[in-house]
Amino acid sequence: MDRIFIEELVVFAQIGVYDWEQQIKQKLIFDLEMAWDCQKAAEMDDVQYCLNYAEVSQFILDYVQAKPFLLIERVAYEVADLLESRYQLQGLKMKLSKPKAVAQARNVGVLIVRGCLK
């Protein structure tokens, strides 16, 4: 199965379990692989048959910036569910990172793997 990927999509979100975190925007970084059959898009050379990564990126940005979250796990699961249903994905691998959330670590996060990408 072919894969469409988006690397290091940066979103600033209201996220965190501490009161002070809900008063600021924090950086989240999405890395995605989405199972998608690219054959028809390649044969037809027509954007209507491809998984539009610009549209997917904008969907994630709009969704995550629109409301507050406490946990990155919630963000990851909601975005994964919405992407799978909206774009009829056969598989999804999504890494969601919250850089500098732990002072001693460069990065922390969650990795969601579904469908044929398991």
C-alpha atoms as a PDB file:
ATOM      1  CA  MET A   1       0.000   0.000   0.000  1.00  0.00           C
ATOM      2  CA  ASP A   2       1.235   3.458  -0.875  1.00  0.00           C
ATOM      3  CA  ARG A   3       1.776   6.032   1.839  1.00  0.00           C
ATOM      4  CA  ILE A   4       1.274   9.767   1.908  1.00  0.00           C
ATOM      5  CA  PHE A   5       3.280  11.483   4.609  1.00  0.00           C
ATOM      6  CA  ILE A   6       3.352  14.819   6.381  1.00  0.00           C
ATOM      7  CA  GLU A   7       6.356  15.582   8.575  1.00  0.00           C
ATOM      8  CA  GLU A   8       6.695  18.136  11.357  1.00  0.00           C
ATOM      9  CA  LEU A   9       3.315  19.839  10.990  1.00  0.00           C
ATOM     10  CA  VAL A  10       3.445  22.466  13.753  1.00  0.00           C
ATOM     11  CA  VAL A  11       0.273  23.462  15.561  1.00  0.00           C
ATOM     12  CA  PHE A  12      -0.023  25.850  18.494  1.00  0.00           C
ATOM     13  CA  ALA A  13      -2.711  24.581  20.826  1.00  0.00           C
ATOM     14  CA  GLN A  14      -4.270  25.218  24.192  1.00  0.00           C
ATOM     15  CA  ILE A  15      -3.198  21.998  25.896  1.00  0.00           C
ATOM     16  CA  GLY A  16      -2.143  20.805  29.297  1.00  0.00           C
ATOM     17  CA  VAL A  17      -3.369  19.611  32.669  1.00  0.00           C
ATOM     18  CA  TYR A  18      -2.018  22.541  34.668  1.00  0.00           C
ATOM     19  CA  ASP A  19      -3.966  25.777  35.003  1.00  0.00           C
ATOM     20  CA  TRP A  20      -1.081  27.847  33.622  1.00  0.00           C
ATOM     21  CA  GLU A  21      -0.965  25.633  30.513  1.00  0.00           C
ATOM     22  CA  GLN A  22      -4.571  26.482  29.707  1.00  0.00           C
ATOM     23  CA  GLN A  23      -3.609  30.169  29.577  1.00  0.00           C
ATOM     24  CA  ILE A  24      -1.032  29.788  26.794  1.00  0.00           C
ATOM     25  CA  LYS A  25      -0.563  28.154  23.402  1.00  0.00           C
ATOM     26  CA  GLN A  26       1.950  25.322  23.223  1.00  0.00           C
ATOM     27  CA  LYS A  27       3.651  23.706  20.270  1.00  0.00           C
ATOM     28  CA  LEU A  28       2.511  20.303  19.081  1.00  0.00           C
ATOM     29  CA  ILE A  29       4.174  18.525  16.163  1.00  0.00           C
ATOM     30  CA  PHE A  30       2.406  15.979  13.960  1.00  0.00           C
ATOM     31  CA  ASP A  31       4.180  13.382  11.831  1.00  0.00           C
ATOM     32  CA  LEU A  32       1.773  11.300   9.754  1.00  0.00           C
ATOM     33  CA  GLU A  33       1.809   8.361   7.359  1.00  0.00           C
ATOM     34  CA  MET A  34      -1.499   7.599   5.680  1.00  0.00           C
ATOM     35  CA  ALA A  35      -2.197   4.497   3.619  1.00  0.00           C
ATOM     36  CA  TRP A  36      -3.556   5.630   0.263  1.00  0.00           C
ATOM     37  CA  ASP A  37      -3.656   4.051  -3.173  1.00  0.00           C
ATOM     38  CA  CYS A  38      -1.829   6.545  -5.389  1.00  0.00           C
ATOM     39  CA  GLN A  39      -2.145   4.531  -8.608  1.00  0.00           C
ATOM     40  CA  LYS A  40      -5.081   6.420 -10.156  1.00  0.00           C
ATOM     41  CA  ALA A  41      -3.566   9.805  -9.268  1.00  0.00           C
ATOM     42  CA  ALA A  42      -0.296   8.722 -10.898  1.00  0.00           C
ATOM     43  CA  GLU A  43      -1.995   7.379 -14.021  1.00  0.00           C
ATOM     44  CA  MET A  44      -4.335  10.346 -14.492  1.00  0.00           C
ATOM     45  CA  ASP A  45      -1.915  13.023 -13.218  1.00  0.00           C
ATOM     46  CA  ASP A  46      -4.964  14.619 -11.594  1.00  0.00           C
ATOM     47  CA  VAL A  47      -5.179  16.045  -8.081  1.00  0.00           C
ATOM     48  CA  GLN A  48      -8.784  14.901  -7.642  1.00  0.00           C
ATOM     49  CA  TYR A  49      -7.514  11.322  -7.242  1.00  0.00           C
ATOM     50  CA  CYS A  50      -4.858  12.012  -4.652  1.00  0.00           C
ATOM     51  CA  LEU A  51      -4.947  12.454  -0.911  1.00  0.00           C
ATOM     52  CA  ASN A  52      -4.482  16.202  -0.710  1.00  0.00           C
ATOM     53  CA  TYR A  53      -1.836  16.684   1.977  1.00  0.00           C
ATOM     54  CA  ALA A  54      -2.438  20.456   2.063  1.00  0.00           C
ATOM     55  CA  GLU A  55      -6.114  19.831   2.833  1.00  0.00           C
ATOM     56  CA  VAL A  56      -5.257  17.222   5.474  1.00  0.00           C
ATOM     57  CA  SER A  57      -2.769  19.615   7.073  1.00  0.00           C
ATOM     58  CA  GLN A  58      -5.258  22.473   7.167  1.00  0.00           C
ATOM     59  CA  PHE A  59      -7.922  20.191   8.646  1.00  0.00           C
ATOM     60  CA  ILE A  60      -5.567  19.243  11.500  1.00  0.00           C
ATOM     61  CA  LEU A  61      -4.562  22.864  12.114  1.00  0.00           C
ATOM     62  CA  ASP A  62      -8.166  24.074  12.208  1.00  0.00           C
ATOM     63  CA  TYR A  63      -9.371  21.256  14.446  1.00  0.00           C
ATOM     64  CA  VAL A  64      -6.583  21.389  17.033  1.00  0.00           C
ATOM     65  CA  GLN A  65      -6.549  25.181  17.291  1.00  0.00           C
ATOM     66  CA  ALA A  66     -10.338  25.409  17.719  1.00  0.00           C
ATOM     67  CA  LYS A  67     -10.704  24.074  21.268  1.00  0.00           C
ATOM     68  CA  PRO A  68      -8.782  23.371  24.477  1.00  0.00           C
ATOM     69  CA  PHE A  69      -7.396  19.951  25.362  1.00  0.00           C
ATOM     70  CA  LEU A  70      -5.913  18.484  28.516  1.00  0.00           C
ATOM     71  CA  LEU A  71      -4.013  15.498  27.102  1.00  0.00           C
ATOM     72  CA  ILE A  72      -2.116  14.846  23.884  1.00  0.00           C
ATOM     73  CA  GLU A  73      -3.642  11.357  23.913  1.00  0.00           C
ATOM     74  CA  ARG A  74      -7.068  12.927  23.402  1.00  0.00           C
ATOM     75  CA  VAL A  75      -5.778  15.106  20.575  1.00  0.00           C
ATOM     76  CA  ALA A  76      -4.125  12.117  18.896  1.00  0.00           C
ATOM     77  CA  TYR A  77      -7.156   9.858  19.128  1.00  0.00           C
ATOM     78  CA  GLU A  78      -9.645  12.484  17.989  1.00  0.00           C
ATOM     79  CA  VAL A  79      -7.519  13.566  15.030  1.00  0.00           C
ATOM     80  CA  ALA A  80      -6.826   9.935  14.055  1.00  0.00           C
ATOM     81  CA  ASP A  81     -10.534   9.045  14.198  1.00  0.00           C
ATOM     82  CA  LEU A  82     -11.520  12.093  12.152  1.00  0.00           C
ATOM     83  CA  LEU A  83      -8.827  11.553   9.505  1.00  0.00           C
ATOM     84  CA  GLU A  84      -9.731   7.882   9.097  1.00  0.00           C
ATOM     85  CA  SER A  85     -13.410   8.603   8.612  1.00  0.00           C
ATOM     86  CA  ARG A  86     -13.095  11.811   6.591  1.00  0.00           C
ATOM     87  CA  TYR A  87     -10.563  10.456   4.083  1.00  0.00           C
ATOM     88  CA  GLN A  88     -11.418   6.722   4.220  1.00  0.00           C
ATOM     89  CA  LEU A  89      -7.846   5.817   5.110  1.00  0.00           C
ATOM     90  CA  GLN A  90      -6.858   2.157   5.056  1.00  0.00           C
ATOM     91  CA  GLY A  91      -4.162   2.801   7.619  1.00  0.00           C
ATOM     92  CA  LEU A  92      -2.679   5.587   9.684  1.00  0.00           C
ATOM     93  CA  LYS A  93       0.517   6.096  11.636  1.00  0.00           C
ATOM     94  CA  MET A  94       0.608   9.338  13.589  1.00  0.00           C
ATOM     95  CA  LYS A  95       3.272  10.590  15.961  1.00  0.00           C
ATOM     96  CA  LEU A  96       2.164  13.553  18.066  1.00  0.00           C
ATOM     97  CA  SER A  97       4.940  15.315  19.956  1.00  0.00           C
ATOM     98  CA  LYS A  98       4.884  17.933  22.686  1.00  0.00           C
ATOM     99  CA  PRO A  99       8.448  19.295  22.696  1.00  0.00           C
ATOM    100  CA  LYS A 100       9.991  20.396  25.987  1.00  0.00           C
ATOM    101  CA  ALA A 101       7.056  19.087  28.053  1.00  0.00           C
ATOM    102  CA  VAL A 102       9.655  17.355  30.232  1.00  0.00           C
ATOM    103  CA  ALA A 103      12.681  19.485  31.026  1.00  0.00           C
ATOM    104  CA  GLN A 104      15.133  16.580  30.794  1.00  0.00           C
ATOM    105  CA  ALA A 105      13.779  15.334  27.447  1.00  0.00           C
ATOM    106  CA  ARG A 106      13.931  16.936  24.020  1.00  0.00           C
ATOM    107  CA  ASN A 107      10.519  15.550  23.164  1.00  0.00           C
ATOM    108  CA  VAL A 108       7.627  13.454  24.478  1.00  0.00           C
ATOM    109  CA  GLY A 109       4.489  12.241  22.784  1.00  0.00           C
ATOM    110  CA  VAL A 110       2.252   9.468  21.596  1.00  0.00           C
ATOM    111  CA  LEU A 111       2.327   7.196  18.555  1.00  0.00           C
ATOM    112  CA  ILE A 112      -0.948   5.904  17.070  1.00  0.00           C
ATOM    113  CA  VAL A 113      -0.832   3.062  14.521  1.00  0.00           C
ATOM    114  CA  ARG A 114      -3.983   1.757  12.844  1.00  0.00           C
ATOM    115  CA  GLY A 115      -5.113  -0.361   9.932  1.00  0.00           C
ATOM    116  CA  CYS A 116      -2.684  -1.752   7.399  1.00  0.00           C
ATOM    117  CA  LEU A 117       0.235   0.246   8.835  1.00  0.00           C
ATOM    118  CA  LYS A 118       0.380  -1.890  12.003  1.00  0.00           C
END
